[in-house]
């Protein structure tokens, strides 16, 4: 799941937007709860991406022969 966490977050965000747009009469509390959940997921995705970036920062650069 970690390899595709950003993609999953994007799909979830898009699905929330589509549901909010196409479904009339949803309770405001439900939409606010979904927005809070999606923002929490965004924070988790950001932490995963930050760890991957930090790991890549300290790795040795590939040489032309390795590429």
Protein backbone atom coordinates (compact mmCIF):
# COMPACT_ATOMS: atom_id res chain seq x y z
CA UNK A 1 0.00 0.00 0.00
CA UNK A 2 2.87 2.40 0.73
CA UNK A 3 4.01 2.30 -2.88
CA UNK A 4 0.67 3.65 -4.09
CA UNK A 5 -0.51 5.73 -1.13
CA UNK A 6 -0.51 8.98 -3.08
CA UNK A 7 -2.63 7.46 -5.84
CA UNK A 8 -5.09 6.05 -3.31
CA UNK A 9 -5.37 9.45 -1.62
CA UNK A 10 -6.05 11.09 -4.98
CA UNK A 11 -8.78 8.58 -5.83
CA UNK A 12 -10.39 9.05 -2.43
CA UNK A 13 -10.34 12.83 -2.83
CA UNK A 14 -11.91 12.61 -6.28
CA UNK A 15 -14.56 10.18 -5.05
CA UNK A 16 -15.48 12.52 -2.20
CA UNK A 17 -15.85 15.42 -4.59
CA UNK A 18 -18.05 13.37 -6.93
CA UNK A 19 -20.28 12.16 -4.10
CA UNK A 20 -20.66 15.68 -2.72
CA UNK A 21 -21.58 16.97 -6.19
CA UNK A 22 -23.95 14.27 -7.41
CA UNK A 23 -25.79 13.27 -4.25
CA UNK A 24 -28.36 15.82 -3.18
CA UNK A 25 -29.56 16.07 0.38
CA UNK A 26 -26.51 14.67 2.14
CA UNK A 27 -26.30 15.80 5.75
CA UNK A 28 -23.68 18.48 6.33
CA UNK A 29 -22.25 16.52 9.24
CA UNK A 30 -21.51 13.56 6.98
CA UNK A 31 -19.69 15.70 4.44
CA UNK A 32 -17.66 17.42 7.17
CA UNK A 33 -16.72 14.05 8.66
CA UNK A 34 -15.60 12.78 5.25
CA UNK A 35 -13.58 15.94 4.67
CA UNK A 36 -11.87 15.51 8.05
CA UNK A 37 -11.07 11.89 7.23
CA UNK A 38 -9.63 12.77 3.85
CA UNK A 39 -7.49 15.50 5.40
CA UNK A 40 -6.18 12.98 7.93
CA UNK A 41 -5.34 10.60 5.11
CA UNK A 42 -3.53 13.44 3.36
CA UNK A 43 -1.35 13.94 6.43
CA UNK A 44 -0.47 10.24 6.46
CA UNK A 45 0.37 10.32 2.75
CA UNK A 46 2.57 13.35 3.27
CA UNK A 47 4.52 11.57 6.02
CA UNK A 48 5.07 8.51 3.80
CA UNK A 49 6.29 10.68 0.93
CA UNK A 50 8.57 12.64 3.27
CA UNK A 51 10.17 9.40 4.49
CA UNK A 52 10.76 8.26 0.90
CA UNK A 53 12.32 11.62 0.03
CA UNK A 54 14.58 11.57 3.08
CA UNK A 55 15.69 8.01 2.31
CA UNK A 56 16.50 8.98 -1.29
CA UNK A 57 18.46 12.01 -0.10
CA UNK A 58 20.96 9.83 1.76
CA UNK A 59 21.36 7.18 -0.94
CA UNK A 60 24.33 7.22 -3.23
CA UNK A 61 23.62 8.58 -6.70
CA UNK A 62 23.59 5.96 -9.45
CA UNK A 63 26.48 6.15 -11.87
CA UNK A 64 26.01 6.26 -15.62
CA UNK A 65 27.00 2.58 -15.82
CA UNK A 66 24.23 1.55 -13.43
CA UNK A 67 21.54 3.44 -15.30
